[in-house]
Amino acid sequence: MTARRVAWGLLVALLCLGIAVATGLGGWQLIVKTRPVPDPVADRAAARQQVIDVVRTNLQTVMSYTPDISEADLGPRTALLTGKFLTEYDKTMRNSVIPQAHQTRITSTATVVRAGVDSLSEDTARVLAFVNTTATKGDQSPSQSQNAVMIGLTNVHGSWLMESFEPKGTS
């Protein structure tokens, strides 16, 4: 056998190996690329509606109060919150809102009139909510305000909890 024949045999073997590798890689890519991808959570209407409903219900709960509010009423409210927002809300309610509501007989009623999803994934969401607030101080006539608020949510063990509250504007 001559060196030339060995070189040709080696070249043919390497080319066959290269073709086999390229075919295998191409087949694998074809399978991977044609596999159906699940819809992103944000594309699911039911998931969007779920976080909007959570914000609508929970925001009205945490923003509304009467002069009879007490620290005992904070338990169900703080169960809707998590993270820094939970700490800030609890501190503000105990140190400011509850004493002021008792002293000046303030009633505050919040109603979410519109809400829309800004972003949504499996475990986090951001919802922009438009809130009408009516506050009545003692026997005075009610005052109304409209607020836009960006609410950050996080999914904790299957429940959406509010983790941030960012005012966007008031009128």
N, C-alpha and C. Protein backbone atom coordinates (compact mmCIF):
# COMPACT_ATOMS: atom_id res chain seq x y z
N MET A 1 0.84 -1.17 0.00
CA MET A 1 0.00 0.00 0.00
C MET A 1 0.89 1.24 0.00
N THR A 2 0.55 2.13 -0.84
CA THR A 2 1.36 3.33 -0.95
C THR A 2 0.82 4.39 -0.01
N ALA A 3 1.65 5.35 0.24
CA ALA A 3 1.26 6.45 1.13
C ALA A 3 0.09 7.23 0.54
N ARG A 4 0.07 7.28 -0.79
CA ARG A 4 -1.01 8.01 -1.45
C ARG A 4 -2.36 7.32 -1.20
N ARG A 5 -2.37 6.00 -1.29
CA ARG A 5 -3.59 5.23 -1.06
C ARG A 5 -4.06 5.38 0.39
N VAL A 6 -3.16 5.36 1.34
CA VAL A 6 -3.50 5.53 2.75
C VAL A 6 -4.10 6.92 2.98
N ALA A 7 -3.50 7.92 2.37
CA ALA A 7 -4.00 9.30 2.52
C ALA A 7 -5.42 9.42 1.97
N TRP A 8 -5.67 8.81 0.78
CA TRP A 8 -7.02 8.85 0.20
C TRP A 8 -8.02 8.10 1.09
N GLY A 9 -7.64 6.98 1.60
CA GLY A 9 -8.52 6.20 2.50
C GLY A 9 -8.86 6.99 3.76
N LEU A 10 -7.87 7.64 4.32
CA LEU A 10 -8.07 8.46 5.51
C LEU A 10 -8.97 9.65 5.21
N LEU A 11 -8.77 10.28 4.06
CA LEU A 11 -9.60 11.41 3.65
C LEU A 11 -11.05 10.99 3.46
N VAL A 12 -11.28 9.86 2.81
CA VAL A 12 -12.65 9.36 2.60
C VAL A 12 -13.30 9.04 3.95
N ALA A 13 -12.56 8.43 4.86
CA ALA A 13 -13.10 8.10 6.19
C ALA A 13 -13.47 9.36 6.96
N LEU A 14 -12.61 10.38 6.91
CA LEU A 14 -12.90 11.64 7.60
C LEU A 14 -14.10 12.35 6.99
N LEU A 15 -14.22 12.32 5.66
CA LEU A 15 -15.38 12.93 5.01
C LEU A 15 -16.67 12.21 5.40
N CYS A 16 -16.63 10.89 5.44
CA CYS A 16 -17.82 10.12 5.86
C CYS A 16 -18.19 10.45 7.30
N LEU A 17 -17.19 10.55 8.17
CA LEU A 17 -17.44 10.90 9.56
C LEU A 17 -18.03 12.31 9.66
N GLY A 18 -17.50 13.25 8.89
CA GLY A 18 -18.01 14.63 8.88
C GLY A 18 -19.46 14.68 8.42
N ILE A 19 -19.78 13.91 7.38
CA ILE A 19 -21.16 13.88 6.88
C ILE A 19 -22.09 13.29 7.94
N ALA A 20 -21.65 12.24 8.61
CA ALA A 20 -22.47 11.62 9.65
C ALA A 20 -22.72 12.60 10.81
N VAL A 21 -21.69 13.31 11.24
CA VAL A 21 -21.83 14.29 12.32
C VAL A 21 -22.76 15.43 11.90
N ALA A 22 -22.57 15.95 10.68
CA ALA A 22 -23.41 17.04 10.19
C ALA A 22 -24.87 16.61 10.08
N THR A 23 -25.10 15.38 9.61
CA THR A 23 -26.47 14.86 9.50
C THR A 23 -27.10 14.72 10.88
N GLY A 24 -26.35 14.20 11.82
CA GLY A 24 -26.87 14.05 13.20
C GLY A 24 -27.18 15.39 13.83
N LEU A 25 -26.29 16.35 13.67
CA LEU A 25 -26.50 17.69 14.22
C LEU A 25 -27.69 18.36 13.56
N GLY A 26 -27.81 18.23 12.25
CA GLY A 26 -28.95 18.81 11.54
C GLY A 26 -30.27 18.20 11.97
N GLY A 27 -30.29 16.88 12.14
CA GLY A 27 -31.51 16.21 12.61
C GLY A 27 -31.89 16.64 14.01
N TRP A 28 -30.89 16.76 14.88
CA TRP A 28 -31.15 17.21 16.25
C TRP A 28 -31.72 18.63 16.26
N GLN A 29 -31.14 19.53 15.47
CA GLN A 29 -31.64 20.91 15.38
C GLN A 29 -33.06 20.96 14.83
N LEU A 30 -33.34 20.11 13.85
CA LEU A 30 -34.69 20.06 13.28
C LEU A 30 -35.70 19.66 14.35
N ILE A 31 -35.37 18.69 15.15
CA ILE A 31 -36.28 18.25 16.22
C ILE A 31 -36.45 19.35 17.26
N VAL A 32 -35.35 19.95 17.69
CA VAL A 32 -35.41 21.00 18.72
C VAL A 32 -36.18 22.22 18.23
N LYS A 33 -35.92 22.66 17.02
CA LYS A 33 -36.53 23.89 16.50
C LYS A 33 -38.00 23.72 16.15
N THR A 34 -38.44 22.50 15.85
CA THR A 34 -39.85 22.31 15.47
C THR A 34 -40.71 21.89 16.65
N ARG A 35 -40.11 21.72 17.82
CA ARG A 35 -40.87 21.37 19.01
C ARG A 35 -41.75 22.55 19.40
N PRO A 36 -43.05 22.32 19.69
CA PRO A 36 -43.91 23.45 20.04
C PRO A 36 -43.47 24.09 21.36
N VAL A 37 -43.45 25.40 21.37
CA VAL A 37 -43.06 26.17 22.55
C VAL A 37 -44.34 26.61 23.26
N PRO A 38 -44.41 26.46 24.59
CA PRO A 38 -45.61 26.92 25.29
C PRO A 38 -45.76 28.43 25.16
N ASP A 39 -47.00 28.88 25.14
CA ASP A 39 -47.27 30.31 25.07
C ASP A 39 -46.69 31.02 26.28
N PRO A 40 -46.12 32.20 26.08
CA PRO A 40 -45.69 32.98 27.24
C PRO A 40 -46.91 33.30 28.11
N VAL A 41 -46.67 33.41 29.41
CA VAL A 41 -47.76 33.67 30.35
C VAL A 41 -48.51 34.94 29.96
N ALA A 42 -47.78 35.95 29.52
CA ALA A 42 -48.40 37.24 29.18
C ALA A 42 -49.37 37.11 28.01
N ASP A 43 -49.25 36.07 27.21
CA ASP A 43 -50.16 35.87 26.08
C ASP A 43 -51.45 35.15 26.48
N ARG A 44 -51.53 34.71 27.71
CA ARG A 44 -52.72 33.98 28.17
C ARG A 44 -53.70 34.96 28.82
N ALA A 45 -54.86 35.10 28.22
CA ALA A 45 -55.87 36.05 28.72
C ALA A 45 -56.27 35.72 30.16
N ALA A 46 -56.39 34.45 30.49
CA ALA A 46 -56.80 34.05 31.84
C ALA A 46 -55.76 34.48 32.87
N ALA A 47 -54.48 34.37 32.54
CA ALA A 47 -53.42 34.77 33.47
C ALA A 47 -53.42 36.28 33.67
N ARG A 48 -53.62 37.03 32.58
CA ARG A 48 -53.70 38.49 32.69
C ARG A 48 -54.90 38.89 33.55
N GLN A 49 -56.04 38.27 33.31
CA GLN A 49 -57.24 38.60 34.07
C GLN A 49 -57.06 38.26 35.54
N GLN A 50 -56.37 37.16 35.82
CA GLN A 50 -56.15 36.76 37.21
C GLN A 50 -55.38 37.83 37.98
N VAL A 51 -54.28 38.34 37.41
CA VAL A 51 -53.51 39.35 38.14
C VAL A 51 -54.27 40.68 38.23
N ILE A 52 -55.06 41.00 37.22
CA ILE A 52 -55.89 42.21 37.29
C ILE A 52 -56.91 42.08 38.40
N ASP A 53 -57.55 40.92 38.52
CA ASP A 53 -58.54 40.69 39.58
C ASP A 53 -57.89 40.77 40.96
N VAL A 54 -56.68 40.22 41.09
CA VAL A 54 -55.97 40.28 42.37
C VAL A 54 -55.70 41.73 42.74
N VAL A 55 -55.20 42.51 41.79
CA VAL A 55 -54.91 43.92 42.07
C VAL A 55 -56.19 44.67 42.41
N ARG A 56 -57.23 44.44 41.65
CA ARG A 56 -58.51 45.13 41.88
C ARG A 56 -59.01 44.86 43.31
N THR A 57 -59.04 43.61 43.70
CA THR A 57 -59.54 43.24 45.03
C THR A 57 -58.61 43.69 46.15
N ASN A 58 -57.32 43.36 46.01
CA ASN A 58 -56.38 43.63 47.10
C ASN A 58 -56.09 45.11 47.28
N LEU A 59 -56.02 45.86 46.20
CA LEU A 59 -55.75 47.29 46.31
C LEU A 59 -56.89 48.00 47.01
N GLN A 60 -58.12 47.63 46.68
CA GLN A 60 -59.28 48.22 47.36
C GLN A 60 -59.25 47.88 48.85
N THR A 61 -58.83 46.67 49.18
CA THR A 61 -58.76 46.25 50.58
C THR A 61 -57.71 47.04 51.35
N VAL A 62 -56.51 47.17 50.80
CA VAL A 62 -55.44 47.83 51.56
C VAL A 62 -55.56 49.35 51.58
N MET A 63 -56.28 49.93 50.62
CA MET A 63 -56.40 51.40 50.57
C MET A 63 -57.66 51.94 51.25
N SER A 64 -58.59 51.09 51.60
CA SER A 64 -59.84 51.55 52.21
C SER A 64 -59.80 51.31 53.72
N TYR A 65 -60.36 52.26 54.47
CA TYR A 65 -60.44 52.10 55.93
C TYR A 65 -61.52 53.03 56.48
N THR A 66 -61.90 52.76 57.72
CA THR A 66 -62.89 53.57 58.43
C THR A 66 -62.26 54.06 59.73
N PRO A 67 -62.94 54.97 60.46
CA PRO A 67 -62.39 55.44 61.73
C PRO A 67 -62.26 54.32 62.77
N ASP A 68 -62.97 53.23 62.56
CA ASP A 68 -62.94 52.12 63.52
C ASP A 68 -61.79 51.15 63.27
N ILE A 69 -60.95 51.43 62.30
CA ILE A 69 -59.86 50.51 61.98
C ILE A 69 -58.94 50.35 63.19
N SER A 70 -58.48 49.13 63.41
CA SER A 70 -57.57 48.88 64.52
C SER A 70 -56.39 48.05 64.02
N GLU A 71 -55.41 47.89 64.88
CA GLU A 71 -54.25 47.09 64.50
C GLU A 71 -54.63 45.63 64.25
N ALA A 72 -55.72 45.18 64.88
CA ALA A 72 -56.19 43.81 64.64
C ALA A 72 -56.67 43.63 63.20
N ASP A 73 -57.10 44.72 62.57
CA ASP A 73 -57.58 44.66 61.18
C ASP A 73 -56.43 44.53 60.18
N LEU A 74 -55.20 44.72 60.64
CA LEU A 74 -54.07 44.68 59.72
C LEU A 74 -53.71 43.27 59.26
N GLY A 75 -54.03 42.26 60.06
CA GLY A 75 -53.68 40.88 59.71
C GLY A 75 -54.14 40.46 58.33
N PRO A 76 -55.46 40.56 58.04
CA PRO A 76 -55.93 40.17 56.71
C PRO A 76 -55.37 41.06 55.60
N ARG A 77 -55.07 42.30 55.91
CA ARG A 77 -54.52 43.21 54.90
C ARG A 77 -53.06 42.86 54.60
N THR A 78 -52.27 42.65 55.64
CA THR A 78 -50.85 42.36 55.42
C THR A 78 -50.65 40.97 54.82
N ALA A 79 -51.64 40.10 54.93
CA ALA A 79 -51.55 38.77 54.30
C ALA A 79 -51.56 38.89 52.77
N LEU A 80 -51.95 40.05 52.25
CA LEU A 80 -52.01 40.28 50.81
C LEU A 80 -50.71 40.86 50.27
N LEU A 81 -49.75 41.14 51.18
CA LEU A 81 -48.53 41.86 50.82
C LEU A 81 -47.30 41.02 51.11
N THR A 82 -46.18 41.44 50.54
CA THR A 82 -44.90 40.77 50.79
C THR A 82 -43.76 41.78 50.60
N GLY A 83 -42.59 41.40 51.06
CA GLY A 83 -41.38 42.20 50.84
C GLY A 83 -41.40 43.55 51.53
N LYS A 84 -40.71 44.51 50.90
CA LYS A 84 -40.60 45.86 51.47
C LYS A 84 -41.96 46.54 51.59
N PHE A 85 -42.84 46.27 50.64
CA PHE A 85 -44.15 46.90 50.69
C PHE A 85 -44.91 46.47 51.94
N LEU A 86 -44.79 45.22 52.33
CA LEU A 86 -45.42 44.74 53.56
C LEU A 86 -44.90 45.52 54.76
N THR A 87 -43.60 45.67 54.86
CA THR A 87 -42.99 46.39 55.98
C THR A 87 -43.41 47.86 55.99
N GLU A 88 -43.35 48.52 54.83
CA GLU A 88 -43.72 49.93 54.74
C GLU A 88 -45.20 50.14 55.05
N TYR A 89 -46.04 49.29 54.52
CA TYR A 89 -47.49 49.40 54.73
C TYR A 89 -47.82 49.24 56.21
N ASP A 90 -47.27 48.20 56.83
CA ASP A 90 -47.55 47.95 58.25
C ASP A 90 -47.10 49.13 59.11
N LYS A 91 -45.92 49.65 58.84
CA LYS A 91 -45.39 50.78 59.60
C LYS A 91 -46.26 52.03 59.40
N THR A 92 -46.62 52.33 58.16
CA THR A 92 -47.45 53.51 57.87
C THR A 92 -48.82 53.39 58.51
N MET A 93 -49.41 52.23 58.41
CA MET A 93 -50.75 52.04 59.00
C MET A 93 -50.70 52.21 60.52
N ARG A 94 -49.73 51.58 61.18
CA ARG A 94 -49.66 51.63 62.65
C ARG A 94 -49.28 53.03 63.15
N ASN A 95 -48.33 53.69 62.49
CA ASN A 95 -47.81 54.95 62.99
C ASN A 95 -48.57 56.18 62.52
N SER A 96 -49.28 56.07 61.40
CA SER A 96 -49.90 57.25 60.81
C SER A 96 -51.39 57.11 60.58
N VAL A 97 -51.75 56.16 59.74
CA VAL A 97 -53.13 56.07 59.27
C VAL A 97 -54.10 55.74 60.39
N ILE A 98 -53.83 54.71 61.17
CA ILE A 98 -54.77 54.31 62.23
C ILE A 98 -54.96 55.43 63.26
N PRO A 99 -53.87 56.01 63.81
CA PRO A 99 -54.09 57.10 64.77
C PRO A 99 -54.83 58.30 64.15
N GLN A 100 -54.48 58.65 62.91
CA GLN A 100 -55.13 59.79 62.27
C GLN A 100 -56.60 59.49 61.97
N ALA A 101 -56.90 58.27 61.56
CA ALA A 101 -58.29 57.89 61.29
C ALA A 101 -59.12 57.98 62.56
N HIS A 102 -58.55 57.59 63.69
CA HIS A 102 -59.27 57.67 64.97
C HIS A 102 -59.48 59.12 65.39
N GLN A 103 -58.43 59.93 65.31
CA GLN A 103 -58.50 61.32 65.78
C GLN A 103 -59.42 62.18 64.93
N THR A 104 -59.31 62.07 63.63
CA THR A 104 -60.06 62.97 62.75
C THR A 104 -61.28 62.31 62.11
N ARG A 105 -61.55 61.05 62.48
CA ARG A 105 -62.74 60.32 61.97
C ARG A 105 -62.74 60.25 60.44
N ILE A 106 -61.62 59.80 59.87
CA ILE A 106 -61.49 59.70 58.41
C ILE A 106 -61.99 58.34 57.93
N THR A 107 -62.77 58.40 56.87
CA THR A 107 -63.17 57.19 56.14
C THR A 107 -62.61 57.33 54.73
N SER A 108 -61.93 56.31 54.28
CA SER A 108 -61.36 56.32 52.93
C SER A 108 -61.84 55.09 52.18
N THR A 109 -62.38 55.33 51.00
CA THR A 109 -62.87 54.23 50.16
C THR A 109 -62.16 54.30 48.81
N ALA A 110 -61.50 53.23 48.46
CA ALA A 110 -60.77 53.16 47.19
C ALA A 110 -61.50 52.21 46.25
N THR A 111 -61.59 52.62 44.99
CA THR A 111 -62.20 51.79 43.95
C THR A 111 -61.28 51.77 42.74
N VAL A 112 -60.92 50.58 42.31
CA VAL A 112 -60.10 50.45 41.10
C VAL A 112 -61.05 50.51 39.91
N VAL A 113 -60.90 51.57 39.10
CA VAL A 113 -61.81 51.75 37.96
C VAL A 113 -61.27 51.10 36.68
N ARG A 114 -59.97 51.03 36.56
CA ARG A 114 -59.34 50.39 35.40
C ARG A 114 -58.00 49.80 35.85
N ALA A 115 -57.61 48.74 35.18
CA ALA A 115 -56.30 48.15 35.44
C ALA A 115 -55.83 47.43 34.19
N GLY A 116 -54.53 47.44 33.98
CA GLY A 116 -53.96 46.76 32.82
C GLY A 116 -52.60 46.18 33.16
N VAL A 117 -52.28 45.07 32.54
CA VAL A 117 -51.02 44.38 32.80
C VAL A 117 -49.89 45.07 32.03
N ASP A 118 -48.86 45.46 32.75
CA ASP A 118 -47.66 46.04 32.14
C ASP A 118 -46.68 44.93 31.75
N SER A 119 -46.48 43.97 32.65
CA SER A 119 -45.63 42.82 32.36
C SER A 119 -46.11 41.64 33.20
N LEU A 120 -45.84 40.44 32.69
CA LEU A 120 -46.32 39.23 33.37
C LEU A 120 -45.42 38.06 33.02
N SER A 121 -44.97 37.35 34.05
CA SER A 121 -44.22 36.11 33.87
C SER A 121 -44.81 35.09 34.84
N GLU A 122 -44.20 33.93 34.92
CA GLU A 122 -44.72 32.88 35.81
C GLU A 122 -44.74 33.33 37.27
N ASP A 123 -43.75 34.14 37.69
CA ASP A 123 -43.66 34.46 39.11
C ASP A 123 -43.68 35.95 39.44
N THR A 124 -43.74 36.83 38.46
CA THR A 124 -43.84 38.27 38.74
C THR A 124 -44.81 38.92 37.76
N ALA A 125 -45.36 40.04 38.21
CA ALA A 125 -46.26 40.81 37.34
C ALA A 125 -46.20 42.27 37.76
N ARG A 126 -46.50 43.14 36.81
CA ARG A 126 -46.65 44.57 37.09
C ARG A 126 -47.97 44.99 36.46
N VAL A 127 -48.81 45.63 37.27
CA VAL A 127 -50.14 46.04 36.82
C VAL A 127 -50.31 47.52 37.11
N LEU A 128 -50.74 48.28 36.10
CA LEU A 128 -51.05 49.69 36.27
C LEU A 128 -52.53 49.78 36.62
N ALA A 129 -52.83 50.40 37.76
CA ALA A 129 -54.21 50.52 38.22
C ALA A 129 -54.58 51.99 38.36
N PHE A 130 -55.80 52.31 37.95
CA PHE A 130 -56.35 53.65 38.10
C PHE A 130 -57.38 53.58 39.22
N VAL A 131 -57.13 54.35 40.28
CA VAL A 131 -57.90 54.23 41.50
C VAL A 131 -58.60 55.54 41.82
N ASN A 132 -59.90 55.46 42.09
CA ASN A 132 -60.65 56.61 42.60
C ASN A 132 -60.74 56.44 44.11
N THR A 133 -60.37 57.48 44.84
CA THR A 133 -60.41 57.44 46.29
C THR A 133 -61.34 58.54 46.79
N THR A 134 -62.25 58.16 47.68
CA THR A 134 -63.15 59.11 48.32
C THR A 134 -62.81 59.12 49.80
N ALA A 135 -62.46 60.29 50.32
CA ALA A 135 -62.12 60.43 51.74
C ALA A 135 -63.10 61.38 52.39
N THR A 136 -63.61 60.97 53.53
CA THR A 136 -64.54 61.80 54.30
C THR A 136 -63.95 61.99 55.68
N LYS A 137 -63.84 63.25 56.09
CA LYS A 137 -63.26 63.59 57.39
C LYS A 137 -64.39 64.08 58.29
N GLY A 138 -64.75 63.26 59.28
CA GLY A 138 -65.82 63.63 60.19
C GLY A 138 -67.12 63.87 59.45
N ASP A 139 -67.71 65.07 59.68
CA ASP A 139 -68.98 65.43 59.05
C ASP A 139 -68.78 66.26 57.78
N GLN A 140 -67.55 66.47 57.38
CA GLN A 140 -67.27 67.27 56.19
C GLN A 140 -67.71 66.53 54.93
N SER A 141 -67.85 67.30 53.86
CA SER A 141 -68.22 66.67 52.59
C SER A 141 -67.01 65.88 52.06
N PRO A 142 -67.28 64.81 51.33
CA PRO A 142 -66.19 63.95 50.84
C PRO A 142 -65.30 64.66 49.82
N SER A 143 -64.04 64.30 49.84
CA SER A 143 -63.12 64.77 48.80
C SER A 143 -62.71 63.55 47.97
N GLN A 144 -62.55 63.81 46.68
CA GLN A 144 -62.22 62.70 45.79
C GLN A 144 -60.90 62.96 45.08
N SER A 145 -60.20 61.88 44.80
CA SER A 145 -58.96 61.98 44.02
C SER A 145 -58.86 60.76 43.11
N GLN A 146 -58.15 60.96 42.02
CA GLN A 146 -57.88 59.87 41.09
C GLN A 146 -56.37 59.65 41.09
N ASN A 147 -55.98 58.40 41.19
CA ASN A 147 -54.56 58.05 41.25
C ASN A 147 -54.24 56.96 40.24
N ALA A 148 -53.06 57.03 39.69
CA ALA A 148 -52.53 55.93 38.89
C ALA A 148 -51.40 55.30 39.70
N VAL A 149 -51.43 53.98 39.84
CA VAL A 149 -50.48 53.29 40.68
C VAL A 149 -49.96 52.06 39.94
N MET A 150 -48.63 51.88 39.94
CA MET A 150 -48.04 50.67 39.38
C MET A 150 -47.84 49.69 40.53
N ILE A 151 -48.48 48.54 40.43
CA ILE A 151 -48.41 47.53 41.47
C ILE A 151 -47.51 46.39 40.99
N GLY A 152 -46.52 46.06 41.81
CA GLY A 152 -45.67 44.91 41.53
C GLY A 152 -46.20 43.72 42.30
N LEU A 153 -46.33 42.59 41.63
CA LEU A 153 -46.82 41.37 42.26
C LEU A 153 -45.76 40.28 42.17
N THR A 154 -45.78 39.39 43.14
CA THR A 154 -44.93 38.21 43.07
C THR A 154 -45.77 37.00 43.45
N ASN A 155 -45.52 35.90 42.79
CA ASN A 155 -46.27 34.68 43.05
C ASN A 155 -45.56 33.90 44.15
N VAL A 156 -46.20 33.81 45.32
CA VAL A 156 -45.62 33.11 46.46
C VAL A 156 -46.49 31.89 46.75
N HIS A 157 -45.95 30.72 46.50
CA HIS A 157 -46.66 29.46 46.73
C HIS A 157 -48.04 29.44 46.08
N GLY A 158 -48.13 29.96 44.87
CA GLY A 158 -49.38 29.92 44.12
C GLY A 158 -50.32 31.08 44.35
N SER A 159 -49.95 32.02 45.23
CA SER A 159 -50.79 33.20 45.50
C SER A 159 -50.05 34.46 45.06
N TRP A 160 -50.75 35.34 44.37
CA TRP A 160 -50.16 36.61 43.95
C TRP A 160 -50.23 37.59 45.12
N LEU A 161 -49.07 38.09 45.55
CA LEU A 161 -48.98 39.06 46.64
C LEU A 161 -48.39 40.36 46.10
N MET A 162 -48.88 41.48 46.64
CA MET A 162 -48.37 42.79 46.22
C MET A 162 -47.02 43.02 46.90
N GLU A 163 -46.00 43.32 46.08
CA GLU A 163 -44.66 43.55 46.63
C GLU A 163 -44.18 44.99 46.46
N SER A 164 -44.85 45.74 45.59
CA SER A 164 -44.46 47.14 45.43
C SER A 164 -45.68 47.97 45.06
N PHE A 165 -45.59 49.24 45.41
CA PHE A 165 -46.67 50.20 45.21
C PHE A 165 -46.01 51.50 44.78
N GLU A 166 -46.16 51.84 43.51
CA GLU A 166 -45.46 53.00 42.97
C GLU A 166 -46.47 53.98 42.37
N PRO A 167 -46.75 55.09 43.09
CA PRO A 167 -47.68 56.09 42.54
C PRO A 167 -47.14 56.67 41.24
N LYS A 168 -48.02 56.82 40.27
CA LYS A 168 -47.64 57.35 38.96
C LYS A 168 -48.25 58.72 38.68
N GLY A 169 -49.26 59.09 39.44
CA GLY A 169 -49.87 60.40 39.22
C GLY A 169 -51.16 60.53 40.00
N THR A 170 -51.50 61.77 40.33
CA THR A 170 -52.70 62.06 41.10
C THR A 170 -53.41 63.24 40.46
N SER A 171 -54.73 63.20 40.51
CA SER A 171 -55.48 64.37 40.05
C SER A 171 -56.59 64.68 41.02
